[in-house]
Protein backbone atom coordinates (compact mmCIF):
# COMPACT_ATOMS: atom_id res chain seq x y z
CA MET A 1 0.02 -0.01 -0.02
CA ASN A 2 1.23 3.50 -0.86
CA GLY A 3 2.40 5.07 2.44
CA LYS A 4 1.55 8.57 1.36
CA TRP A 5 -2.03 7.58 0.39
CA GLN A 6 -2.48 5.66 3.62
CA ALA A 7 -1.24 8.62 5.68
CA GLN A 8 -3.69 10.98 3.84
CA MET A 9 -6.56 8.62 4.53
CA GLN A 10 -5.54 8.31 8.15
CA LEU A 11 -5.59 12.12 8.40
CA TRP A 12 -9.16 12.13 6.97
CA CYS A 13 -10.25 9.47 9.51
CA GLY A 14 -8.58 11.46 12.27
CA ALA A 15 -10.54 14.53 11.30
CA VAL A 16 -13.80 12.60 11.42
CA MET A 17 -12.90 11.13 14.78
CA VAL A 18 -12.03 14.57 16.24
CA PHE A 19 -15.37 15.88 15.05
CA GLY A 20 -17.01 12.99 16.86
CA LEU A 21 -15.15 13.88 20.02
CA VAL A 22 -16.26 17.55 19.71
CA LEU A 23 -19.91 16.41 19.37
CA MET A 24 -19.56 14.05 22.37
CA GLY A 25 -18.34 17.02 24.37
CA GLY A 26 -21.82 18.36 24.26
CA ALA A 27 -22.91 15.62 26.66
CA PHE A 28 -21.68 17.64 29.67
CA GLU A 29 -21.70 21.34 30.42
CA ALA A 30 -18.01 21.29 31.36
CA THR A 31 -17.05 19.97 27.93
CA SER A 32 -19.58 21.61 25.64
CA ALA A 33 -17.59 24.72 24.55
CA GLY A 34 -16.53 23.09 21.29
CA VAL A 35 -19.97 22.11 20.22
CA SER A 36 -21.33 25.52 21.32
CA ALA A 37 -18.87 27.10 18.88
CA LEU A 38 -19.87 24.65 16.23
CA PHE A 39 -23.53 25.53 16.55
CA ALA A 40 -22.72 29.26 16.51
CA ILE A 41 -21.00 28.65 13.11
CA LEU A 42 -23.96 26.52 11.82
CA ASP A 43 -26.30 29.40 12.82
CA GLY A 44 -29.47 27.32 12.87
CA PRO A 45 -32.99 28.64 12.78
CA GLY A 46 -33.46 29.02 16.59
CA PRO A 47 -31.69 29.22 19.92
CA MET A 48 -30.00 26.15 21.34
CA THR A 49 -31.64 24.66 24.44
CA TRP A 50 -29.16 22.66 26.52
CA ASP A 51 -31.60 20.06 27.83
CA PRO A 52 -30.96 16.38 28.59
CA VAL A 53 -32.36 15.36 25.23
CA LEU A 54 -29.92 17.56 23.29
CA ARG A 55 -26.96 16.43 25.45
CA PHE A 56 -27.91 12.75 24.88
CA SER A 57 -28.36 13.30 21.17
CA LEU A 58 -24.97 15.04 20.82
CA ALA A 59 -23.27 12.24 22.87
CA LEU A 60 -24.89 9.63 20.64
CA MET A 61 -24.07 11.43 17.34
CA GLY A 62 -20.52 11.95 18.52
CA ALA A 63 -20.07 8.32 19.40
CA VAL A 64 -21.47 7.18 16.11
CA THR A 65 -19.23 9.67 14.24
CA LEU A 66 -16.16 8.56 16.19
CA GLY A 67 -17.08 4.92 15.44
CA TRP A 68 -17.46 5.40 11.71
CA GLY A 69 -14.12 7.29 11.51
CA ALA A 70 -12.54 4.38 13.40
CA THR A 71 -14.23 1.92 11.04
CA VAL A 72 -12.86 3.58 7.93
CA LEU A 73 -9.45 3.77 9.66
CA ALA A 74 -9.60 -0.04 10.22
CA VAL A 75 -10.37 -0.46 6.50
CA VAL A 76 -7.43 1.80 5.56
CA ARG A 77 -5.12 -0.29 7.68
CA GLY A 78 -6.61 -3.62 6.78
CA THR A 79 -6.75 -3.30 2.99
CA GLY A 80 -3.02 -2.67 2.55
CA ASP A 81 -2.19 -6.38 2.15
CA MET A 82 -5.35 -7.35 0.20
CA ALA A 83 -5.44 -8.17 -3.46
CA SER A 84 -6.37 -5.20 -5.58
CA ALA A 85 -9.75 -6.55 -6.57
CA GLN A 86 -10.70 -7.33 -2.94
CA SER A 87 -9.52 -3.93 -1.74
CA LEU A 88 -11.35 -2.03 -4.46
CA ALA A 89 -14.60 -4.00 -3.75
CA LEU A 90 -14.36 -3.05 -0.08
CA TRP A 91 -13.67 0.61 -0.90
CA ARG A 92 -16.68 0.64 -3.24
CA GLY A 93 -18.85 -0.48 -0.35
CA ILE A 94 -17.39 2.09 2.03
CA THR A 95 -17.88 4.77 -0.61
CA ALA A 96 -21.54 3.81 -1.11
CA ALA A 97 -22.10 3.99 2.61
CA LEU A 98 -20.43 7.43 2.87
CA LEU A 99 -22.44 8.74 -0.12
CA LEU A 100 -25.62 7.48 1.67
CA TRP A 101 -24.56 9.33 4.85
CA TYR A 102 -23.86 12.47 2.78
CA ALA A 103 -27.23 12.47 1.02
CA VAL A 104 -29.26 11.84 4.22
CA ASP A 105 -27.31 14.11 6.53
CA SER A 106 -27.06 16.98 4.07
CA GLY A 107 -30.65 16.73 3.02
CA LEU A 108 -31.87 16.74 6.62
CA SER A 109 -29.49 19.56 7.48
CA VAL A 110 -31.00 21.72 4.82
CA ALA A 111 -34.54 20.69 5.63
CA THR A 112 -34.10 21.58 9.33
CA GLY A 113 -32.45 24.97 8.68
CA PHE A 114 -28.82 23.98 9.30
CA TRP A 115 -27.73 24.32 5.59
CA ARG A 116 -24.20 25.22 6.62
CA ASN A 117 -23.68 21.70 7.87
CA ALA A 118 -24.32 20.48 4.29
CA LEU A 119 -21.41 22.66 3.18
CA SER A 120 -19.06 21.06 5.69
CA ASN A 121 -20.37 17.65 4.65
CA THR A 122 -19.55 18.56 1.02
CA VAL A 123 -15.96 19.43 1.98
CA LEU A 124 -15.64 16.10 3.94
CA ILE A 125 -17.09 13.94 1.14
CA GLY A 126 -15.17 15.72 -1.51
CA TRP A 127 -11.89 15.23 0.38
CA TYR A 128 -12.75 11.50 0.81
CA LEU A 129 -13.68 11.08 -2.86
CA LEU A 130 -10.44 12.71 -3.98
CA LEU A 131 -8.46 10.33 -1.79
CA VAL A 132 -10.30 7.14 -2.76
CA ALA A 133 -10.01 8.10 -6.48
CA ARG A 134 -6.24 7.96 -6.00
CA HIS A 135 -6.30 4.52 -4.31
CA PRO A 136 -3.00 2.72 -5.18
CA ALA A 137 -4.92 -0.37 -6.40
CA ARG A 138 -6.68 1.78 -8.94
CA ALA A 139 -3.32 2.97 -10.30
CA ARG A 140 -2.11 -0.67 -10.53
CA GLN A 141 -5.31 -1.60 -12.33
CA GLY A 142 -4.80 1.19 -14.86
CA GLN A 143 -1.21 0.17 -15.48
CA ALA A 144 -2.23 -3.49 -16.01
CA ALA A 145 -4.91 -2.38 -18.55
CA ARG A 146 -2.31 -0.35 -20.50
CA ALA A 147 0.13 -3.28 -20.61
């Protein structure tokens, strides 16, 4: 596996995981400054009410986000020794899952008045797609087709 590509994908996964940790910080008053700043940037349609339901929702969303960042990281680390066809098949599945997340999350963000979240989602999915399009197995596949 190309070390540069793997490092770039690990950086992407790290960014997703840090975002999950920021969201999880909303679970408690003492750790909610990061998520408060995030909501200020998102500038939603109404004031934020720090009630137990919001704190639980943020903790849960953060945990899920942390988990899917870690899942993609496991794929990055685990596909390095796979045959190209197997690796590409797995990356197609991960990409389909991330495109599903993007469509649902961004659509609901716009529908609920948090359209700026769709912009950050677009940056995240664009970054991912650029990286996965440069997957080393794709390059090897292209070289084999030209030979």
